[in-house]
Amino acid sequence: MSKNGLKPGQNTGKDGGIYEQFNTRGNPTGRFATIRDNEIAPPTAKKNYYWKLKVKTPDSK
């Protein structure tokens, strides 16, 4: 995950959970996505928007 968050097409690794979409200025857009561990982040509404983890799901063991 980058400093600003997860870009579309990036893998979540072990950081699956509920993500919120943010715009280029760092403001939330009100859109959310649930992305599981080791999955690719979905597209955002506009170019250069990104996903930021809000609620991390527990890791399975």
PDB file of N, CA and C in Angstrom:
ATOM      1  N   MET A   1       0.855  -1.180   0.000  1.00  0.00           N
ATOM      2  CA  MET A   1       0.000   0.000   0.000  1.00  0.00           C
ATOM      3  C   MET A   1       0.893   1.232   0.000  1.00  0.00           C
ATOM      4  N   SER A   2       0.552   2.207  -0.797  1.00  0.00           N
ATOM      5  CA  SER A   2       1.354   3.427  -0.873  1.00  0.00           C
ATOM      6  C   SER A   2       1.070   4.339   0.310  1.00  0.00           C
ATOM      7  N   LYS A   3       1.815   5.422   0.376  1.00  0.00           N
ATOM      8  CA  LYS A   3       1.673   6.384   1.474  1.00  0.00           C
ATOM      9  C   LYS A   3       0.252   6.948   1.532  1.00  0.00           C
ATOM     10  N   ASN A   4      -0.315   7.245   0.369  1.00  0.00           N
ATOM     11  CA  ASN A   4      -1.650   7.843   0.310  1.00  0.00           C
ATOM     12  C   ASN A   4      -2.774   6.828   0.399  1.00  0.00           C
ATOM     13  N   GLY A   5      -2.487   5.594   0.096  1.00  0.00           N
ATOM     14  CA  GLY A   5      -3.521   4.574   0.110  1.00  0.00           C
ATOM     15  C   GLY A   5      -3.302   3.582  -1.014  1.00  0.00           C
ATOM     16  N   LEU A   6      -4.372   2.922  -1.370  1.00  0.00           N
ATOM     17  CA  LEU A   6      -4.316   1.863  -2.371  1.00  0.00           C
ATOM     18  C   LEU A   6      -4.849   2.394  -3.699  1.00  0.00           C
ATOM     19  N   LYS A   7      -4.044   2.257  -4.735  1.00  0.00           N
ATOM     20  CA  LYS A   7      -4.470   2.707  -6.055  1.00  0.00           C
ATOM     21  C   LYS A   7      -5.213   1.571  -6.755  1.00  0.00           C
ATOM     22  N   PRO A   8      -6.115   1.905  -7.689  1.00  0.00           N
ATOM     23  CA  PRO A   8      -6.826   0.861  -8.427  1.00  0.00           C
ATOM     24  C   PRO A   8      -5.838  -0.098  -9.092  1.00  0.00           C
ATOM     25  N   GLY A   9      -6.108  -1.395  -8.980  1.00  0.00           N
ATOM     26  CA  GLY A   9      -5.241  -2.395  -9.581  1.00  0.00           C
ATOM     27  C   GLY A   9      -4.160  -2.910  -8.656  1.00  0.00           C
ATOM     28  N   GLN A  10      -3.961  -2.279  -7.496  1.00  0.00           N
ATOM     29  CA  GLN A  10      -2.966  -2.750  -6.540  1.00  0.00           C
ATOM     30  C   GLN A  10      -3.561  -3.852  -5.676  1.00  0.00           C
ATOM     31  N   ASN A  11      -2.692  -4.734  -5.206  1.00  0.00           N
ATOM     32  CA  ASN A  11      -3.092  -5.848  -4.348  1.00  0.00           C
ATOM     33  C   ASN A  11      -3.141  -5.378  -2.891  1.00  0.00           C
ATOM     34  N   THR A  12      -4.131  -5.857  -2.142  1.00  0.00           N
ATOM     35  CA  THR A  12      -4.281  -5.460  -0.743  1.00  0.00           C
ATOM     36  C   THR A  12      -3.295  -6.163   0.188  1.00  0.00           C
ATOM     37  N   GLY A  13      -2.765  -7.300  -0.246  1.00  0.00           N
ATOM     38  CA  GLY A  13      -1.909  -8.079   0.646  1.00  0.00           C
ATOM     39  C   GLY A  13      -2.740  -8.593   1.809  1.00  0.00           C
ATOM     40  N   LYS A  14      -2.255  -8.407   3.025  1.00  0.00           N
ATOM     41  CA  LYS A  14      -3.007  -8.859   4.214  1.00  0.00           C
ATOM     42  C   LYS A  14      -3.861  -7.740   4.808  1.00  0.00           C
ATOM     43  N   ASP A  15      -4.032  -6.652   4.065  1.00  0.00           N
ATOM     44  CA  ASP A  15      -4.795  -5.508   4.554  1.00  0.00           C
ATOM     45  C   ASP A  15      -6.197  -5.453   3.970  1.00  0.00           C
ATOM     46  N   GLY A  16      -6.912  -6.576   3.991  1.00  0.00           N
ATOM     47  CA  GLY A  16      -8.286  -6.588   3.514  1.00  0.00           C
ATOM     48  C   GLY A  16      -9.209  -5.896   4.499  1.00  0.00           C
ATOM     49  N   GLY A  17     -10.303  -5.351   4.002  1.00  0.00           N
ATOM     50  CA  GLY A  17     -11.266  -4.696   4.874  1.00  0.00           C
ATOM     51  C   GLY A  17     -12.152  -3.735   4.109  1.00  0.00           C
ATOM     52  N   ILE A  18     -12.642  -2.731   4.815  1.00  0.00           N
ATOM     53  CA  ILE A  18     -13.508  -1.726   4.221  1.00  0.00           C
ATOM     54  C   ILE A  18     -12.645  -0.519   3.855  1.00  0.00           C
ATOM     55  N   TYR A  19     -12.700  -0.154   2.590  1.00  0.00           N
ATOM     56  CA  TYR A  19     -11.919   0.966   2.078  1.00  0.00           C
ATOM     57  C   TYR A  19     -12.838   2.106   1.682  1.00  0.00           C
ATOM     58  N   GLU A  20     -12.370   3.340   1.901  1.00  0.00           N
ATOM     59  CA  GLU A  20     -13.111   4.522   1.476  1.00  0.00           C
ATOM     60  C   GLU A  20     -12.337   5.188   0.356  1.00  0.00           C
ATOM     61  N   GLN A  21     -13.060   5.712  -0.619  1.00  0.00           N
ATOM     62  CA  GLN A  21     -12.431   6.387  -1.755  1.00  0.00           C
ATOM     63  C   GLN A  21     -12.137   7.845  -1.406  1.00  0.00           C
ATOM     64  N   PHE A  22     -10.949   8.317  -1.796  1.00  0.00           N
ATOM     65  CA  PHE A  22     -10.536   9.695  -1.566  1.00  0.00           C
ATOM     66  C   PHE A  22     -10.153  10.346  -2.885  1.00  0.00           C
ATOM     67  N   ASN A  23     -10.379  11.658  -2.987  1.00  0.00           N
ATOM     68  CA  ASN A  23     -10.038  12.366  -4.214  1.00  0.00           C
ATOM     69  C   ASN A  23      -8.585  12.850  -4.173  1.00  0.00           C
ATOM     70  N   THR A  24      -8.172  13.578  -5.178  1.00  0.00           N
ATOM     71  CA  THR A  24      -6.780  14.008  -5.299  1.00  0.00           C
ATOM     72  C   THR A  24      -6.358  14.983  -4.202  1.00  0.00           C
ATOM     73  N   ARG A  25      -7.306  15.647  -3.570  1.00  0.00           N
ATOM     74  CA  ARG A  25      -6.992  16.575  -2.480  1.00  0.00           C
ATOM     75  C   ARG A  25      -7.009  15.907  -1.107  1.00  0.00           C
ATOM     76  N   GLY A  26      -7.321  14.612  -1.101  1.00  0.00           N
ATOM     77  CA  GLY A  26      -7.347  13.879   0.159  1.00  0.00           C
ATOM     78  C   GLY A  26      -8.670  13.946   0.887  1.00  0.00           C
ATOM     79  N   ASN A  27      -9.715  14.380   0.198  1.00  0.00           N
ATOM     80  CA  ASN A  27     -11.046  14.450   0.787  1.00  0.00           C
ATOM     81  C   ASN A  27     -11.840  13.189   0.458  1.00  0.00           C
ATOM     82  N   PRO A  28     -12.605  12.661   1.411  1.00  0.00           N
ATOM     83  CA  PRO A  28     -13.411  11.466   1.132  1.00  0.00           C
ATOM     84  C   PRO A  28     -14.521  11.773   0.139  1.00  0.00           C
ATOM     85  N   THR A  29     -14.833  10.800  -0.706  1.00  0.00           N
ATOM     86  CA  THR A  29     -15.877  10.988  -1.715  1.00  0.00           C
ATOM     87  C   THR A  29     -17.204  10.370  -1.290  1.00  0.00           C
ATOM     88  N   GLY A  30     -17.193   9.598  -0.205  1.00  0.00           N
ATOM     89  CA  GLY A  30     -18.420   8.966   0.262  1.00  0.00           C
ATOM     90  C   GLY A  30     -18.668   7.598  -0.344  1.00  0.00           C
ATOM     91  N   ARG A  31     -17.735   7.101  -1.140  1.00  0.00           N
ATOM     92  CA  ARG A  31     -17.858   5.766  -1.730  1.00  0.00           C
ATOM     93  C   ARG A  31     -16.996   4.793  -0.947  1.00  0.00           C
ATOM     94  N   PHE A  32     -17.535   3.600  -0.733  1.00  0.00           N
ATOM     95  CA  PHE A  32     -16.835   2.567   0.025  1.00  0.00           C
ATOM     96  C   PHE A  32     -16.773   1.278  -0.788  1.00  0.00           C
ATOM     97  N   ALA A  33     -15.782   0.444  -0.468  1.00  0.00           N
ATOM     98  CA  ALA A  33     -15.656  -0.871  -1.098  1.00  0.00           C
ATOM     99  C   ALA A  33     -15.103  -1.841  -0.071  1.00  0.00           C
ATOM    100  N   THR A  34     -15.604  -3.068  -0.093  1.00  0.00           N
ATOM    101  CA  THR A  34     -15.053  -4.127   0.743  1.00  0.00           C
ATOM    102  C   THR A  34     -14.115  -4.936  -0.135  1.00  0.00           C
ATOM    103  N   ILE A  35     -12.848  -4.962   0.257  1.00  0.00           N
ATOM    104  CA  ILE A  35     -11.836  -5.671  -0.522  1.00  0.00           C
ATOM    105  C   ILE A  35     -11.183  -6.695   0.396  1.00  0.00           C
ATOM    106  N   ARG A  36     -11.229  -7.967   0.003  1.00  0.00           N
ATOM    107  CA  ARG A  36     -10.671  -9.038   0.827  1.00  0.00           C
ATOM    108  C   ARG A  36      -9.151  -9.064   0.742  1.00  0.00           C
ATOM    109  N   ASP A  37      -8.527  -9.840   1.642  1.00  0.00           N
ATOM    110  CA  ASP A  37      -7.077 -10.033   1.620  1.00  0.00           C
ATOM    111  C   ASP A  37      -6.640 -10.564   0.260  1.00  0.00           C
ATOM    112  N   ASN A  38      -5.494 -10.103  -0.195  1.00  0.00           N
ATOM    113  CA  ASN A  38      -4.873 -10.553  -1.449  1.00  0.00           C
ATOM    114  C   ASN A  38      -5.776 -10.403  -2.666  1.00  0.00           C
ATOM    115  N   GLU A  39      -6.547  -9.332  -2.719  1.00  0.00           N
ATOM    116  CA  GLU A  39      -7.369  -9.039  -3.887  1.00  0.00           C
ATOM    117  C   GLU A  39      -6.942  -7.708  -4.488  1.00  0.00           C
ATOM    118  N   ILE A  40      -7.317  -7.504  -5.735  1.00  0.00           N
ATOM    119  CA  ILE A  40      -6.985  -6.288  -6.466  1.00  0.00           C
ATOM    120  C   ILE A  40      -8.022  -5.208  -6.160  1.00  0.00           C
ATOM    121  N   ALA A  41      -7.549  -3.974  -5.937  1.00  0.00           N
ATOM    122  CA  ALA A  41      -8.455  -2.857  -5.663  1.00  0.00           C
ATOM    123  C   ALA A  41      -9.266  -2.522  -6.915  1.00  0.00           C
ATOM    124  N   PRO A  42     -10.557  -2.246  -6.752  1.00  0.00           N
ATOM    125  CA  PRO A  42     -11.407  -1.929  -7.908  1.00  0.00           C
ATOM    126  C   PRO A  42     -11.106  -0.532  -8.459  1.00  0.00           C
ATOM    127  N   PRO A  43     -11.641  -0.238  -9.642  1.00  0.00           N
ATOM    128  CA  PRO A  43     -11.464   1.102 -10.210  1.00  0.00           C
ATOM    129  C   PRO A  43     -12.123   2.162  -9.329  1.00  0.00           C
ATOM    130  N   THR A  44     -11.618   3.372  -9.407  1.00  0.00           N
ATOM    131  CA  THR A  44     -12.209   4.501  -8.685  1.00  0.00           C
ATOM    132  C   THR A  44     -13.064   5.310  -9.660  1.00  0.00           C
ATOM    133  N   ALA A  45     -13.819   6.262  -9.127  1.00  0.00           N
ATOM    134  CA  ALA A  45     -14.734   7.054  -9.945  1.00  0.00           C
ATOM    135  C   ALA A  45     -13.996   7.939 -10.941  1.00  0.00           C
ATOM    136  N   LYS A  46     -12.828   8.447 -10.550  1.00  0.00           N
ATOM    137  CA  LYS A  46     -12.053   9.330 -11.427  1.00  0.00           C
ATOM    138  C   LYS A  46     -10.577   8.985 -11.337  1.00  0.00           C
ATOM    139  N   LYS A  47      -9.841   9.433 -12.328  1.00  0.00           N
ATOM    140  CA  LYS A  47      -8.402   9.203 -12.381  1.00  0.00           C
ATOM    141  C   LYS A  47      -7.722   9.858 -11.171  1.00  0.00           C
ATOM    142  N   ASN A  48      -6.717   9.202 -10.637  1.00  0.00           N
ATOM    143  CA  ASN A  48      -5.905   9.666  -9.499  1.00  0.00           C
ATOM    144  C   ASN A  48      -6.627   9.638  -8.156  1.00  0.00           C
ATOM    145  N   TYR A  49      -7.840   9.112  -8.099  1.00  0.00           N
ATOM    146  CA  TYR A  49      -8.470   8.859  -6.811  1.00  0.00           C
ATOM    147  C   TYR A  49      -7.841   7.590  -6.244  1.00  0.00           C
ATOM    148  N   TYR A  50      -8.006   7.350  -4.955  1.00  0.00           N
ATOM    149  CA  TYR A  50      -7.400   6.186  -4.327  1.00  0.00           C
ATOM    150  C   TYR A  50      -8.283   5.681  -3.192  1.00  0.00           C
ATOM    151  N   TRP A  51      -7.977   4.461  -2.742  1.00  0.00           N
ATOM    152  CA  TRP A  51      -8.709   3.812  -1.649  1.00  0.00           C
ATOM    153  C   TRP A  51      -7.870   3.878  -0.378  1.00  0.00           C
ATOM    154  N   LYS A  52      -8.507   4.175   0.747  1.00  0.00           N
ATOM    155  CA  LYS A  52      -7.829   4.225   2.034  1.00  0.00           C
ATOM    156  C   LYS A  52      -8.556   3.288   3.004  1.00  0.00           C
ATOM    157  N   LEU A  53      -7.787   2.454   3.686  1.00  0.00           N
ATOM    158  CA  LEU A  53      -8.352   1.478   4.615  1.00  0.00           C
ATOM    159  C   LEU A  53      -9.009   2.174   5.799  1.00  0.00           C
ATOM    160  N   LYS A  54     -10.268   1.831   6.053  1.00  0.00           N
ATOM    161  CA  LYS A  54     -11.007   2.381   7.199  1.00  0.00           C
ATOM    162  C   LYS A  54     -11.136   1.360   8.308  1.00  0.00           C
ATOM    163  N   VAL A  55     -11.531   0.110   7.968  1.00  0.00           N
ATOM    164  CA  VAL A  55     -11.731  -0.945   8.951  1.00  0.00           C
ATOM    165  C   VAL A  55     -11.044  -2.196   8.422  1.00  0.00           C
ATOM    166  N   LYS A  56      -9.999  -2.640   9.135  1.00  0.00           N
ATOM    167  CA  LYS A  56      -9.258  -3.835   8.724  1.00  0.00           C
ATOM    168  C   LYS A  56      -9.971  -5.071   9.264  1.00  0.00           C
ATOM    169  N   THR A  57     -10.106  -6.085   8.402  1.00  0.00           N
ATOM    170  CA  THR A  57     -10.717  -7.329   8.840  1.00  0.00           C
ATOM    171  C   THR A  57      -9.665  -8.186   9.524  1.00  0.00           C
ATOM    172  N   PRO A  58     -10.070  -9.007  10.474  1.00  0.00           N
ATOM    173  CA  PRO A  58      -9.098  -9.861  11.169  1.00  0.00           C
ATOM    174  C   PRO A  58      -8.460 -10.860  10.198  1.00  0.00           C
ATOM    175  N   ASP A  59      -7.182 -11.134  10.380  1.00  0.00           N
ATOM    176  CA  ASP A  59      -6.492 -12.115   9.563  1.00  0.00           C
ATOM    177  C   ASP A  59      -6.882 -13.512  10.011  1.00  0.00           C
ATOM    178  N   SER A  60      -7.127 -14.386   9.043  1.00  0.00           N
ATOM    179  CA  SER A  60      -7.435 -15.771   9.378  1.00  0.00           C
ATOM    180  C   SER A  60      -6.143 -16.541   9.592  1.00  0.00           C
ATOM    181  N   LYS A  61      -6.185 -17.518  10.483  1.00  0.00           N
ATOM    182  CA  LYS A  61      -4.963 -18.271  10.799  1.00  0.00           C
ATOM    183  C   LYS A  61      -5.140 -19.725  10.520  1.00  0.00           C
TER     184      LYS A  61
END
